[in-house]
């Protein structure tokens, strides 16, 4: 009888080790599988983020492309009005004093339309940089035709050096920028 109990105890011990061995193998396999799935999810998220960025960039490109292609023979009055309002909005955003915006058709070829806007304003270098950056971001194909910048002069002369530096901070800027469209056939 004692021998049967010993065999039973040895058998229980062997079965216990076998159970824990197989259970640990299953757990190790599942942990490995979860790690692989986690890695795939991370890779998929990176690809998704990349695709989201590409979609945004292509969306911007599509907007520019739609504003660049036309079947018309000239810029519509709505487009000209939109451009003027956008330029004025950018100037107001940075506190730039626009003294005038003039426009006119500059060039019309069989496959290209060009409309020029002449903008006169007073600003500082920092605001000018921001303004030009915003103009560049507009959803139109544009070319700068002319650019003139002169220090703003005040008729009154002051002796104080600080006042002279204050006068040189503002500049009169004259900018000629053309917006271009290509005719579709």
Protein backbone atom coordinates (compact mmCIF):
# COMPACT_ATOMS: atom_id res chain seq x y z
CA UNK A 1 0.00 0.00 0.00
CA UNK A 2 2.81 2.27 0.81
CA UNK A 3 4.21 1.62 -2.62
CA UNK A 4 0.94 2.64 -4.28
CA UNK A 5 0.92 5.93 -2.38
CA UNK A 6 4.52 6.57 -3.39
CA UNK A 7 3.69 5.91 -7.04
CA UNK A 8 0.62 8.13 -6.72
CA UNK A 9 2.65 10.96 -5.16
CA UNK A 10 5.38 10.65 -7.82
CA UNK A 11 2.71 10.59 -10.54
CA UNK A 12 1.05 13.73 -9.07
CA UNK A 13 4.43 15.48 -8.89
CA UNK A 14 5.26 14.52 -12.51
CA UNK A 15 1.83 15.62 -13.71
CA UNK A 16 2.16 18.89 -11.76
CA UNK A 17 5.54 19.63 -13.38
CA UNK A 18 4.14 18.69 -16.80
CA UNK A 19 1.11 20.95 -16.23
CA UNK A 20 3.26 23.91 -15.12
CA UNK A 21 5.69 23.32 -17.99
CA UNK A 22 2.95 23.30 -20.62
CA UNK A 23 1.13 26.21 -18.96
CA UNK A 24 4.33 28.29 -18.93
CA UNK A 25 4.93 27.38 -22.60
CA UNK A 26 1.42 28.51 -23.48
CA UNK A 27 1.82 31.73 -21.48
CA UNK A 28 5.23 32.39 -23.09
CA UNK A 29 3.76 31.80 -26.55
CA UNK A 30 0.84 34.14 -25.82
CA UNK A 31 3.18 36.83 -24.44
CA UNK A 32 5.32 36.51 -27.58
CA UNK A 33 2.20 36.72 -29.75
CA UNK A 34 0.98 39.79 -27.85
CA UNK A 35 4.41 41.42 -28.27
CA UNK A 36 4.28 40.72 -32.03
CA UNK A 37 0.76 42.15 -32.26
CA UNK A 38 1.85 45.18 -30.23
CA UNK A 39 4.74 45.74 -32.65
CA UNK A 40 2.36 45.44 -35.63
CA UNK A 41 -0.04 47.91 -34.01
CA UNK A 42 2.79 50.39 -33.43
CA UNK A 43 3.93 50.01 -37.03
CA UNK A 44 0.34 50.42 -38.27
CA UNK A 45 -0.09 53.55 -36.13
CA UNK A 46 3.09 55.03 -37.57
CA UNK A 47 1.88 54.26 -41.09
CA UNK A 48 -1.53 55.74 -40.26
CA UNK A 49 0.05 58.92 -38.88
CA UNK A 50 2.22 59.13 -41.99
CA UNK A 51 -0.83 58.70 -44.20
CA UNK A 52 -2.71 61.36 -42.25
CA UNK A 53 0.15 63.81 -42.82
CA UNK A 54 0.30 62.87 -46.50
CA UNK A 55 -3.46 63.35 -46.78
CA UNK A 56 -3.17 66.82 -45.26
CA UNK A 57 -0.36 67.74 -47.64
CA UNK A 58 -2.23 66.34 -50.63
CA UNK A 59 -5.33 68.22 -49.48
CA UNK A 60 -3.31 71.43 -49.50
CA UNK A 61 -1.95 70.55 -52.92
CA UNK A 62 -5.46 69.80 -54.19
CA UNK A 63 -6.63 73.19 -52.95
CA UNK A 64 -3.74 74.92 -54.70
CA UNK A 65 -4.33 72.87 -57.84
CA UNK A 66 -8.04 73.71 -57.90
CA UNK A 67 -7.20 77.43 -57.52
CA UNK A 68 -4.56 77.19 -60.27
CA UNK A 69 -6.54 75.47 -63.02
CA UNK A 70 -9.33 77.25 -64.86
CA UNK A 71 -11.41 77.13 -68.00
CA UNK A 72 -12.11 80.88 -67.91
CA UNK A 73 -10.27 83.54 -69.89
CA UNK A 74 -9.76 85.84 -66.90
CA UNK A 75 -9.89 85.91 -63.11
CA UNK A 76 -13.46 86.22 -61.90
CA UNK A 77 -14.46 89.21 -59.82
CA UNK A 78 -15.19 86.83 -56.92
CA UNK A 79 -11.64 85.43 -57.08
CA UNK A 80 -10.15 88.94 -57.18
CA UNK A 81 -12.34 89.99 -54.26
CA UNK A 82 -11.33 86.86 -52.31
CA UNK A 83 -7.63 87.55 -52.89
CA UNK A 84 -7.98 91.19 -51.82
CA UNK A 85 -9.90 90.19 -48.67
CA UNK A 86 -7.29 87.52 -47.86
CA UNK A 87 -4.40 89.97 -48.27
CA UNK A 88 -6.22 92.58 -46.17
CA UNK A 89 -7.04 89.95 -43.52
CA UNK A 90 -3.39 88.91 -43.28
CA UNK A 91 -2.35 92.57 -42.95
CA UNK A 92 -4.92 93.17 -40.20
CA UNK A 93 -3.81 89.99 -38.43
CA UNK A 94 -0.30 91.42 -38.02
CA UNK A 95 -1.33 95.06 -37.49
CA UNK A 96 0.05 96.22 -40.84
CA UNK A 97 -1.22 99.54 -42.17
CA UNK A 98 -2.17 98.94 -45.83
CA UNK A 99 -2.40 102.20 -47.73
CA UNK A 100 -3.53 100.69 -51.03
CA UNK A 101 -4.18 97.56 -53.04
CA UNK A 102 -4.41 97.92 -56.81
CA UNK A 103 -4.91 95.12 -59.27
CA UNK A 104 -5.03 94.46 -62.97
CA UNK A 105 -4.67 91.69 -65.52
CA UNK A 106 -0.99 91.45 -66.32
CA UNK A 107 -0.68 88.65 -68.83
CA UNK A 108 -3.00 86.35 -70.71
CA UNK A 109 -1.58 83.70 -72.96
CA UNK A 110 -3.26 80.78 -74.64
CA UNK A 111 -2.58 78.62 -71.59
CA UNK A 112 -1.93 81.05 -68.73
CA UNK A 113 -3.64 83.90 -66.86
CA UNK A 114 -1.75 86.30 -64.62
CA UNK A 115 -3.32 88.95 -62.41
CA UNK A 116 -1.09 91.38 -60.52
CA UNK A 117 -1.79 93.05 -57.21
CA UNK A 118 0.23 96.09 -56.10
CA UNK A 119 0.21 96.50 -52.34
CA UNK A 120 1.53 99.52 -50.46
CA UNK A 121 1.90 99.34 -46.68
CA UNK A 122 3.92 100.41 -43.67
CA UNK A 123 5.35 97.83 -41.28
CA UNK A 124 8.38 96.54 -39.39
CA UNK A 125 10.77 93.85 -40.59
CA UNK A 126 9.33 91.25 -38.24
CA UNK A 127 5.74 91.89 -39.33
CA UNK A 128 6.89 92.00 -42.96
CA UNK A 129 8.42 88.54 -42.61
CA UNK A 130 5.24 87.16 -41.09
CA UNK A 131 3.11 88.85 -43.77
CA UNK A 132 5.24 87.41 -46.59
CA UNK A 133 5.09 83.96 -44.97
CA UNK A 134 1.29 84.11 -44.88
CA UNK A 135 1.17 85.29 -48.52
CA UNK A 136 3.29 82.31 -49.46
CA UNK A 137 0.85 79.97 -47.71
CA UNK A 138 -2.12 81.19 -49.75
CA UNK A 139 -3.81 78.55 -51.90
CA UNK A 140 -2.81 80.26 -55.13
CA UNK A 141 0.24 79.99 -57.36
CA UNK A 142 1.98 83.34 -56.93
CA UNK A 143 5.07 85.18 -58.13
CA UNK A 144 6.58 88.33 -56.62
CA UNK A 145 7.17 90.78 -59.48
CA UNK A 146 8.51 93.74 -57.53
CA UNK A 147 9.55 94.45 -53.98
CA UNK A 148 10.66 97.81 -52.63
CA UNK A 149 11.36 98.70 -49.02
CA UNK A 150 12.35 102.15 -47.73
CA UNK A 151 12.72 103.44 -44.16
CA UNK A 152 9.79 105.58 -43.08
CA UNK A 153 10.92 109.15 -42.55
CA UNK A 154 9.26 111.65 -40.32
CA UNK A 155 9.35 115.34 -41.26
CA UNK A 156 10.20 116.36 -37.70
CA UNK A 157 13.84 115.83 -36.79
CA UNK A 158 14.55 114.92 -33.21
CA UNK A 159 17.92 115.09 -31.56
CA UNK A 160 17.48 112.10 -29.31
CA UNK A 161 19.22 108.95 -30.65
CA UNK A 162 16.46 106.72 -29.25
CA UNK A 163 13.88 108.57 -31.36
CA UNK A 164 16.00 108.10 -34.50
CA UNK A 165 16.11 104.35 -33.86
CA UNK A 166 12.34 104.38 -33.33
CA UNK A 167 11.85 106.04 -36.75
CA UNK A 168 13.98 103.42 -38.51
CA UNK A 169 11.85 100.57 -37.19
CA UNK A 170 8.98 101.28 -39.62
CA UNK A 171 9.36 100.81 -43.36
CA UNK A 172 7.30 101.71 -46.39
CA UNK A 173 6.90 98.62 -48.52
CA UNK A 174 5.72 98.37 -52.10
CA UNK A 175 4.99 94.84 -53.24
CA UNK A 176 3.90 93.62 -56.66
CA UNK A 177 2.61 90.05 -56.57
CA UNK A 178 1.00 88.09 -59.38
CA UNK A 179 -1.38 85.22 -59.05
CA UNK A 180 -1.26 82.73 -61.89
CA UNK A 181 -3.80 80.29 -63.31
CA UNK A 182 -3.35 77.80 -66.10
CA UNK A 183 -6.10 77.17 -68.61
CA UNK A 184 -7.30 73.62 -68.95
CA UNK A 185 -7.92 72.33 -72.43
